[in-house]
């Protein structure tokens, strides 16, 4: 009888220890924070050849499951003309909206964004990340404008 009692007590003790161990694992797993996607918005007025400027609003939706190295973008471009009666000095004209995917990459020590328009492999835009709050439009060779008067900077909102 004593043997049965000791064996039963040992079995109960082992089950209790196993139960505590699995509960600790579950608690540790539940304690890890859930990482969500991140959205950033950049805006600014960039130079234009046939207008007084183009108001860019670029929304970047970084995907957490890809380590924030890619995601989707939405770009709104509004053609502006000078208007002295407006409080902003501009009148809004044609509006263009494009959507697609973007990738973050580094080259020669710089960090860049590559925006590829939906359903197009060749309709691509590049931006250099110059700080935590600014990006600058660059050409396909990842070079900024050589004309200092032309400002291609978008600022985080």
N, C-alpha and C. Protein backbone atom coordinates (compact mmCIF):
# COMPACT_ATOMS: atom_id res chain seq x y z
N UNK A 1 0.81 -1.18 0.00
CA UNK A 1 0.00 0.00 0.00
C UNK A 1 0.86 1.26 0.00
N UNK A 2 1.96 1.23 0.83
CA UNK A 2 2.83 2.38 0.87
C UNK A 2 3.47 2.61 -0.49
N UNK A 3 3.84 1.51 -1.20
CA UNK A 3 4.47 1.64 -2.52
C UNK A 3 3.51 2.32 -3.49
N UNK A 4 2.28 1.93 -3.48
CA UNK A 4 1.28 2.50 -4.37
C UNK A 4 1.10 3.98 -4.08
N UNK A 5 1.10 4.33 -2.79
CA UNK A 5 0.95 5.73 -2.41
C UNK A 5 2.13 6.56 -2.92
N UNK A 6 3.35 6.05 -2.75
CA UNK A 6 4.54 6.77 -3.21
C UNK A 6 4.57 6.90 -4.73
N UNK A 7 4.19 5.85 -5.43
CA UNK A 7 4.17 5.89 -6.90
C UNK A 7 3.12 6.88 -7.38
N UNK A 8 1.94 6.88 -6.77
CA UNK A 8 0.88 7.81 -7.14
C UNK A 8 1.31 9.24 -6.83
N UNK A 9 1.94 9.46 -5.67
CA UNK A 9 2.41 10.80 -5.30
C UNK A 9 3.47 11.28 -6.28
N UNK A 10 4.38 10.42 -6.68
CA UNK A 10 5.43 10.78 -7.64
C UNK A 10 4.82 11.13 -8.98
N UNK A 11 3.82 10.37 -9.41
CA UNK A 11 3.16 10.64 -10.69
C UNK A 11 2.45 11.99 -10.66
N UNK A 12 1.76 12.29 -9.55
CA UNK A 12 1.07 13.57 -9.42
C UNK A 12 2.09 14.71 -9.42
N UNK A 13 3.21 14.55 -8.73
CA UNK A 13 4.24 15.57 -8.68
C UNK A 13 4.84 15.83 -10.07
N UNK A 14 5.06 14.78 -10.85
CA UNK A 14 5.62 14.94 -12.20
C UNK A 14 4.61 15.65 -13.10
N UNK A 15 3.34 15.31 -12.98
CA UNK A 15 2.31 16.00 -13.77
C UNK A 15 2.23 17.48 -13.40
N UNK A 16 2.34 17.78 -12.13
CA UNK A 16 2.28 19.17 -11.67
C UNK A 16 3.46 19.96 -12.21
N UNK A 17 4.65 19.35 -12.18
CA UNK A 17 5.84 20.04 -12.71
C UNK A 17 5.72 20.25 -14.21
N UNK A 18 5.24 19.27 -14.92
CA UNK A 18 5.06 19.40 -16.37
C UNK A 18 4.04 20.48 -16.68
N UNK A 19 2.99 20.55 -15.89
CA UNK A 19 1.96 21.57 -16.08
C UNK A 19 2.53 22.96 -15.87
N UNK A 20 3.33 23.14 -14.82
CA UNK A 20 3.94 24.44 -14.55
C UNK A 20 4.89 24.84 -15.66
N UNK A 21 5.67 23.92 -16.18
CA UNK A 21 6.60 24.21 -17.26
C UNK A 21 5.87 24.66 -18.51
N UNK A 22 4.80 23.99 -18.88
CA UNK A 22 4.07 24.38 -20.09
C UNK A 22 3.37 25.71 -19.90
N UNK A 23 2.91 26.02 -18.66
CA UNK A 23 2.29 27.31 -18.40
C UNK A 23 3.31 28.43 -18.53
N UNK A 24 4.57 28.21 -18.07
CA UNK A 24 5.60 29.22 -18.21
C UNK A 24 5.89 29.50 -19.68
N UNK A 25 5.93 28.47 -20.50
CA UNK A 25 6.15 28.66 -21.93
C UNK A 25 5.02 29.47 -22.53
N UNK A 26 3.81 29.15 -22.16
CA UNK A 26 2.65 29.89 -22.70
C UNK A 26 2.70 31.34 -22.24
N UNK A 27 3.09 31.58 -20.97
CA UNK A 27 3.19 32.95 -20.47
C UNK A 27 4.27 33.71 -21.22
N UNK A 28 5.43 33.09 -21.49
CA UNK A 28 6.50 33.75 -22.23
C UNK A 28 6.07 34.08 -23.65
N UNK A 29 5.36 33.19 -24.29
CA UNK A 29 4.91 33.43 -25.65
C UNK A 29 3.88 34.56 -25.67
N UNK A 30 3.01 34.61 -24.70
CA UNK A 30 1.99 35.65 -24.66
C UNK A 30 2.61 37.00 -24.33
N UNK A 31 3.76 37.03 -23.63
CA UNK A 31 4.38 38.29 -23.23
C UNK A 31 5.07 39.00 -24.39
N UNK A 32 5.36 38.29 -25.46
CA UNK A 32 6.03 38.93 -26.60
C UNK A 32 5.07 39.90 -27.27
N UNK A 33 5.53 41.14 -27.54
CA UNK A 33 4.64 42.12 -28.16
C UNK A 33 4.34 41.76 -29.61
N UNK A 34 3.16 42.16 -30.05
CA UNK A 34 2.76 41.95 -31.43
C UNK A 34 3.29 43.14 -32.23
N UNK A 35 4.07 42.86 -33.28
CA UNK A 35 4.62 43.92 -34.11
C UNK A 35 3.66 44.17 -35.27
N UNK A 36 3.25 45.42 -35.40
CA UNK A 36 2.28 45.77 -36.44
C UNK A 36 2.96 46.55 -37.57
N UNK A 37 2.27 46.63 -38.69
CA UNK A 37 2.75 47.41 -39.82
C UNK A 37 2.88 48.87 -39.42
N UNK A 38 3.74 49.61 -40.13
CA UNK A 38 3.98 51.01 -39.84
C UNK A 38 3.64 51.84 -41.07
N UNK A 39 2.96 52.96 -40.87
CA UNK A 39 2.62 53.86 -41.96
C UNK A 39 3.35 55.18 -41.77
N UNK A 40 3.98 55.67 -42.83
CA UNK A 40 4.64 56.97 -42.83
C UNK A 40 4.07 57.79 -43.98
N UNK A 41 3.95 59.11 -43.76
CA UNK A 41 3.44 60.02 -44.77
C UNK A 41 4.48 61.11 -45.00
N UNK A 42 4.85 61.31 -46.26
CA UNK A 42 5.78 62.37 -46.66
C UNK A 42 5.06 63.30 -47.62
N UNK A 43 5.39 64.60 -47.54
CA UNK A 43 4.75 65.57 -48.43
C UNK A 43 5.71 66.71 -48.74
N UNK A 44 5.43 67.37 -49.86
CA UNK A 44 6.21 68.53 -50.25
C UNK A 44 5.86 68.96 -51.66
N UNK A 45 6.29 70.15 -52.03
CA UNK A 45 6.09 70.67 -53.38
C UNK A 45 7.42 70.53 -54.12
N UNK A 46 7.38 69.76 -55.20
CA UNK A 46 8.58 69.52 -56.00
C UNK A 46 8.50 70.30 -57.31
N UNK A 47 9.65 70.59 -57.91
CA UNK A 47 9.67 71.32 -59.18
C UNK A 47 8.99 70.54 -60.29
N UNK A 48 8.48 71.29 -61.29
CA UNK A 48 7.84 70.68 -62.46
C UNK A 48 8.24 71.47 -63.70
N UNK A 49 8.35 70.79 -64.82
CA UNK A 49 8.74 71.44 -66.07
C UNK A 49 7.61 72.28 -66.64
N UNK A 50 6.39 71.80 -66.56
CA UNK A 50 5.25 72.46 -67.21
C UNK A 50 4.28 73.11 -66.23
N UNK A 51 4.69 73.28 -64.98
CA UNK A 51 3.81 73.88 -63.97
C UNK A 51 4.69 74.60 -62.96
N UNK A 52 4.04 75.26 -62.01
CA UNK A 52 4.79 75.98 -60.98
C UNK A 52 5.22 75.05 -59.84
N UNK A 53 4.80 73.83 -59.88
CA UNK A 53 5.18 72.83 -58.89
C UNK A 53 4.20 71.69 -58.87
N UNK A 54 4.58 70.63 -58.20
CA UNK A 54 3.68 69.49 -58.01
C UNK A 54 3.69 69.15 -56.53
N UNK A 55 2.50 69.15 -55.94
CA UNK A 55 2.34 68.77 -54.53
C UNK A 55 2.34 67.25 -54.45
N UNK A 56 3.36 66.68 -53.80
CA UNK A 56 3.46 65.23 -53.63
C UNK A 56 3.01 64.87 -52.22
N UNK A 57 2.19 63.83 -52.11
CA UNK A 57 1.85 63.22 -50.83
C UNK A 57 2.09 61.72 -51.00
N UNK A 58 3.10 61.23 -50.31
CA UNK A 58 3.51 59.83 -50.44
C UNK A 58 3.23 59.11 -49.13
N UNK A 59 2.39 58.07 -49.20
CA UNK A 59 2.06 57.25 -48.03
C UNK A 59 2.76 55.91 -48.20
N UNK A 60 3.61 55.58 -47.23
CA UNK A 60 4.33 54.30 -47.23
C UNK A 60 3.76 53.42 -46.13
N UNK A 61 3.35 52.22 -46.49
CA UNK A 61 2.83 51.25 -45.52
C UNK A 61 3.82 50.10 -45.41
N UNK A 62 4.73 50.22 -44.44
CA UNK A 62 5.76 49.19 -44.22
C UNK A 62 5.12 47.94 -43.66
N UNK A 63 5.55 46.78 -44.14
CA UNK A 63 5.02 45.50 -43.67
C UNK A 63 5.94 44.92 -42.61
N UNK A 64 5.40 44.71 -41.41
CA UNK A 64 6.18 44.22 -40.28
C UNK A 64 6.75 42.82 -40.55
N UNK A 65 5.98 41.98 -41.24
CA UNK A 65 6.43 40.61 -41.46
C UNK A 65 7.59 40.53 -42.45
N UNK A 66 7.94 41.63 -43.09
CA UNK A 66 9.09 41.67 -43.99
C UNK A 66 10.20 42.54 -43.40
N UNK A 67 10.22 42.65 -42.07
CA UNK A 67 11.23 43.42 -41.34
C UNK A 67 11.28 44.88 -41.77
N UNK A 68 10.14 45.43 -42.15
CA UNK A 68 10.02 46.83 -42.54
C UNK A 68 10.95 47.20 -43.70
N UNK A 69 11.19 46.26 -44.59
CA UNK A 69 12.05 46.50 -45.75
C UNK A 69 11.26 46.60 -47.04
N UNK A 70 9.95 46.47 -46.97
CA UNK A 70 9.10 46.61 -48.15
C UNK A 70 7.67 46.88 -47.71
N UNK A 71 6.85 47.19 -48.69
CA UNK A 71 5.45 47.44 -48.39
C UNK A 71 4.73 48.00 -49.59
N UNK A 72 3.63 48.69 -49.34
CA UNK A 72 2.81 49.29 -50.39
C UNK A 72 2.90 50.80 -50.28
N UNK A 73 2.75 51.47 -51.42
CA UNK A 73 2.74 52.93 -51.39
C UNK A 73 1.52 53.45 -52.12
N UNK A 74 1.17 54.70 -51.79
CA UNK A 74 0.10 55.43 -52.45
C UNK A 74 0.64 56.85 -52.64
N UNK A 75 0.73 57.29 -53.90
CA UNK A 75 1.29 58.61 -54.21
C UNK A 75 0.22 59.46 -54.88
N UNK A 76 -0.01 60.65 -54.31
CA UNK A 76 -0.94 61.62 -54.90
C UNK A 76 -0.11 62.81 -55.36
N UNK A 77 -0.28 63.18 -56.64
CA UNK A 77 0.42 64.32 -57.21
C UNK A 77 -0.63 65.33 -57.69
N UNK A 78 -0.50 66.56 -57.23
CA UNK A 78 -1.41 67.63 -57.63
C UNK A 78 -0.59 68.70 -58.34
N UNK A 79 -0.94 68.98 -59.60
CA UNK A 79 -0.25 70.00 -60.38
C UNK A 79 -0.66 71.37 -59.85
N UNK A 80 0.31 72.24 -59.60
CA UNK A 80 0.05 73.56 -59.04
C UNK A 80 0.41 74.66 -60.04
N UNK A 81 -0.39 75.71 -60.04
CA UNK A 81 -0.07 76.92 -60.80
C UNK A 81 -0.09 78.10 -59.84
N UNK A 82 0.71 79.11 -60.14
CA UNK A 82 0.78 80.29 -59.27
C UNK A 82 -0.58 80.98 -59.23
N UNK A 83 -0.97 81.41 -58.03
CA UNK A 83 -2.23 82.11 -57.83
C UNK A 83 -2.04 83.11 -56.69
N UNK A 84 -1.96 84.39 -57.04
CA UNK A 84 -1.69 85.42 -56.03
C UNK A 84 -2.89 85.66 -55.12
N UNK A 85 -4.07 85.21 -55.49
CA UNK A 85 -5.25 85.40 -54.65
C UNK A 85 -5.40 84.30 -53.61
N UNK A 86 -4.67 83.21 -53.78
CA UNK A 86 -4.76 82.09 -52.85
C UNK A 86 -3.86 82.33 -51.64
N UNK A 87 -4.26 81.82 -50.49
CA UNK A 87 -3.44 81.97 -49.28
C UNK A 87 -2.15 81.17 -49.37
N UNK A 88 -2.15 80.10 -50.16
CA UNK A 88 -0.94 79.29 -50.31
C UNK A 88 -0.05 79.79 -51.45
N UNK A 89 -0.62 80.64 -52.31
CA UNK A 89 0.14 81.12 -53.47
C UNK A 89 0.01 80.21 -54.68
N UNK A 90 -0.77 79.13 -54.54
CA UNK A 90 -0.96 78.16 -55.62
C UNK A 90 -2.43 77.84 -55.81
N UNK A 91 -2.75 77.46 -57.03
CA UNK A 91 -4.07 76.90 -57.34
C UNK A 91 -3.87 75.46 -57.76
N UNK A 92 -4.71 74.58 -57.26
CA UNK A 92 -4.60 73.15 -57.58
C UNK A 92 -5.20 72.87 -58.94
N UNK A 93 -4.51 72.02 -59.69
CA UNK A 93 -4.98 71.61 -61.00
C UNK A 93 -5.22 70.12 -61.03
N UNK A 94 -4.75 69.48 -62.06
CA UNK A 94 -4.94 68.03 -62.26
C UNK A 94 -4.34 67.24 -61.09
N UNK A 95 -5.06 66.19 -60.68
CA UNK A 95 -4.60 65.29 -59.63
C UNK A 95 -4.38 63.91 -60.21
N UNK A 96 -3.22 63.33 -59.89
CA UNK A 96 -2.88 61.98 -60.34
C UNK A 96 -2.58 61.11 -59.12
N UNK A 97 -3.09 59.89 -59.14
CA UNK A 97 -2.87 58.96 -58.04
C UNK A 97 -2.24 57.69 -58.60
N UNK A 98 -1.19 57.22 -57.93
CA UNK A 98 -0.58 55.95 -58.33
C UNK A 98 -0.35 55.12 -57.07
N UNK A 99 -0.38 53.81 -57.27
CA UNK A 99 -0.18 52.86 -56.18
C UNK A 99 0.79 51.79 -56.64
N UNK A 100 1.41 51.15 -55.68
CA UNK A 100 2.33 50.07 -56.03
C UNK A 100 3.05 49.55 -54.81
N UNK A 101 4.19 48.96 -55.05
CA UNK A 101 5.02 48.37 -54.01
C UNK A 101 6.31 49.18 -53.88
N UNK A 102 6.89 49.13 -52.68
CA UNK A 102 8.20 49.75 -52.51
C UNK A 102 9.12 48.81 -51.76
N UNK A 103 10.42 49.00 -51.99
CA UNK A 103 11.46 48.25 -51.31
C UNK A 103 12.45 49.23 -50.72
N UNK A 104 13.03 48.87 -49.58
CA UNK A 104 14.09 49.64 -48.96
C UNK A 104 15.39 48.89 -49.25
N UNK A 105 16.42 49.63 -49.72
CA UNK A 105 17.70 48.99 -49.97
C UNK A 105 18.83 49.96 -49.68
N UNK A 106 20.03 49.43 -49.53
CA UNK A 106 21.21 50.27 -49.31
C UNK A 106 22.18 50.07 -50.47
N UNK A 107 22.89 51.16 -50.77
CA UNK A 107 23.92 51.10 -51.81
C UNK A 107 24.94 52.18 -51.50
N UNK A 108 26.20 51.81 -51.51
CA UNK A 108 27.30 52.74 -51.26
C UNK A 108 27.09 53.55 -49.98
N UNK A 109 26.58 52.91 -48.94
CA UNK A 109 26.39 53.55 -47.66
C UNK A 109 25.13 54.39 -47.54
N UNK A 110 24.35 54.50 -48.61
CA UNK A 110 23.11 55.26 -48.56
C UNK A 110 21.91 54.35 -48.49
N UNK A 111 20.82 54.86 -47.94
CA UNK A 111 19.56 54.12 -47.83
C UNK A 111 18.57 54.70 -48.83
N UNK A 112 17.89 53.83 -49.58
CA UNK A 112 17.02 54.27 -50.66
C UNK A 112 15.68 53.55 -50.62
N UNK A 113 14.69 54.18 -51.26
CA UNK A 113 13.38 53.58 -51.49
C UNK A 113 13.20 53.43 -52.99
N UNK A 114 12.73 52.28 -53.41
CA UNK A 114 12.40 52.04 -54.82
C UNK A 114 10.90 51.81 -54.89
N UNK A 115 10.19 52.71 -55.58
CA UNK A 115 8.75 52.61 -55.75
C UNK A 115 8.45 52.06 -57.13
N UNK A 116 7.75 50.95 -57.21
CA UNK A 116 7.37 50.34 -58.48
C UNK A 116 5.86 50.36 -58.60
N UNK A 117 5.39 51.05 -59.62
CA UNK A 117 3.95 51.20 -59.83
C UNK A 117 3.31 49.85 -60.12
N UNK A 118 2.09 49.65 -59.61
CA UNK A 118 1.35 48.40 -59.86
C UNK A 118 1.31 48.08 -61.34
N UNK A 119 1.41 46.80 -61.66
CA UNK A 119 1.31 46.29 -63.04
C UNK A 119 2.36 46.89 -63.96
N UNK A 120 3.52 47.29 -63.41
CA UNK A 120 4.58 47.84 -64.25
C UNK A 120 5.93 47.53 -63.62
N UNK A 121 6.82 47.00 -64.41
CA UNK A 121 8.18 46.76 -63.95
C UNK A 121 9.08 47.94 -64.29
N UNK A 122 8.65 48.79 -65.23
CA UNK A 122 9.50 49.87 -65.71
C UNK A 122 9.12 51.24 -65.15
N UNK A 123 7.93 51.40 -64.59
CA UNK A 123 7.50 52.67 -64.03
C UNK A 123 7.98 52.73 -62.58
N UNK A 124 9.21 53.26 -62.38
CA UNK A 124 9.89 53.21 -61.10
C UNK A 124 10.32 54.62 -60.68
N UNK A 125 10.25 54.90 -59.38
CA UNK A 125 10.76 56.14 -58.80
C UNK A 125 11.70 55.77 -57.66
N UNK A 126 12.70 56.62 -57.43
CA UNK A 126 13.66 56.39 -56.36
C UNK A 126 13.73 57.60 -55.44
N UNK A 127 13.88 57.32 -54.13
CA UNK A 127 14.08 58.36 -53.13
C UNK A 127 15.24 57.94 -52.24
N UNK A 128 16.07 58.90 -51.88
CA UNK A 128 17.14 58.66 -50.92
C UNK A 128 16.65 59.10 -49.55
N UNK A 129 16.83 58.23 -48.55
CA UNK A 129 16.48 58.57 -47.18
C UNK A 129 17.64 59.38 -46.61
N UNK A 130 17.41 60.68 -46.39
CA UNK A 130 18.50 61.56 -45.94
C UNK A 130 18.49 61.80 -44.44
N UNK A 131 17.35 61.53 -43.79
CA UNK A 131 17.25 61.63 -42.33
C UNK A 131 16.00 60.87 -41.89
N UNK A 132 15.73 60.89 -40.60
CA UNK A 132 14.52 60.23 -40.08
C UNK A 132 13.25 60.91 -40.55
N UNK A 133 13.38 62.16 -41.03
CA UNK A 133 12.18 62.92 -41.39
C UNK A 133 12.17 63.43 -42.82
N UNK A 134 13.19 63.12 -43.63
CA UNK A 134 13.21 63.61 -45.01
C UNK A 134 13.69 62.54 -45.98
N UNK A 135 13.10 62.60 -47.18
CA UNK A 135 13.56 61.79 -48.30
C UNK A 135 13.70 62.72 -49.50
N UNK A 136 14.62 62.39 -50.41
CA UNK A 136 14.88 63.23 -51.57
C UNK A 136 14.74 62.38 -52.83
N UNK A 137 13.98 62.89 -53.80
CA UNK A 137 13.82 62.19 -55.08
C UNK A 137 15.17 62.18 -55.80
N UNK A 138 15.56 61.02 -56.31
CA UNK A 138 16.81 60.87 -57.06
C UNK A 138 16.51 60.20 -58.39
N UNK A 139 17.49 60.22 -59.29
CA UNK A 139 17.30 59.59 -60.59
C UNK A 139 17.60 58.09 -60.51
N UNK A 140 17.53 57.40 -61.63
CA UNK A 140 17.73 55.95 -61.67
C UNK A 140 19.16 55.55 -61.28
N UNK A 141 20.10 56.50 -61.41
CA UNK A 141 21.48 56.26 -60.99
C UNK A 141 21.69 56.62 -59.52
N UNK A 142 20.58 56.93 -58.82
CA UNK A 142 20.57 57.27 -57.40
C UNK A 142 21.33 58.56 -57.11
N UNK A 143 21.25 59.51 -58.05
CA UNK A 143 21.92 60.79 -57.91
C UNK A 143 20.88 61.89 -57.70
N UNK A 144 21.19 62.81 -56.78
CA UNK A 144 20.32 63.96 -56.55
C UNK A 144 20.51 64.98 -57.67
N UNK A 145 19.59 65.92 -57.77
CA UNK A 145 19.66 66.97 -58.78
C UNK A 145 20.95 67.76 -58.63
N UNK A 146 21.57 68.07 -59.76
CA UNK A 146 22.81 68.85 -59.74
C UNK A 146 22.52 70.35 -59.75
N UNK A 147 21.25 70.73 -59.88
CA UNK A 147 20.86 72.14 -59.88
C UNK A 147 20.41 72.50 -58.46
N UNK A 148 21.19 73.27 -57.73
CA UNK A 148 20.89 73.52 -56.31
C UNK A 148 19.56 74.24 -56.06
N UNK A 149 19.07 74.99 -57.03
CA UNK A 149 17.82 75.71 -56.84
C UNK A 149 16.60 74.79 -56.84
N UNK A 150 16.75 73.59 -57.35
CA UNK A 150 15.64 72.65 -57.43
C UNK A 150 15.63 71.75 -56.19
N UNK A 151 14.58 71.87 -55.41
CA UNK A 151 14.46 71.12 -54.16
C UNK A 151 13.52 69.95 -54.37
N UNK A 152 14.03 68.74 -54.26
CA UNK A 152 13.24 67.53 -54.44
C UNK A 152 13.02 66.79 -53.12
N UNK A 153 12.92 67.54 -52.03
CA UNK A 153 12.80 66.96 -50.70
C UNK A 153 11.34 66.84 -50.27
N UNK A 154 10.99 65.67 -49.73
CA UNK A 154 9.69 65.45 -49.09
C UNK A 154 9.95 65.30 -47.59
N UNK A 155 9.06 65.86 -46.78
CA UNK A 155 9.21 65.85 -45.34
C UNK A 155 8.13 64.99 -44.70
N UNK A 156 8.54 64.23 -43.66
CA UNK A 156 7.58 63.37 -42.95
C UNK A 156 6.57 64.22 -42.20
N UNK A 157 5.31 63.82 -42.29
CA UNK A 157 4.21 64.51 -41.60
C UNK A 157 3.82 63.77 -40.36
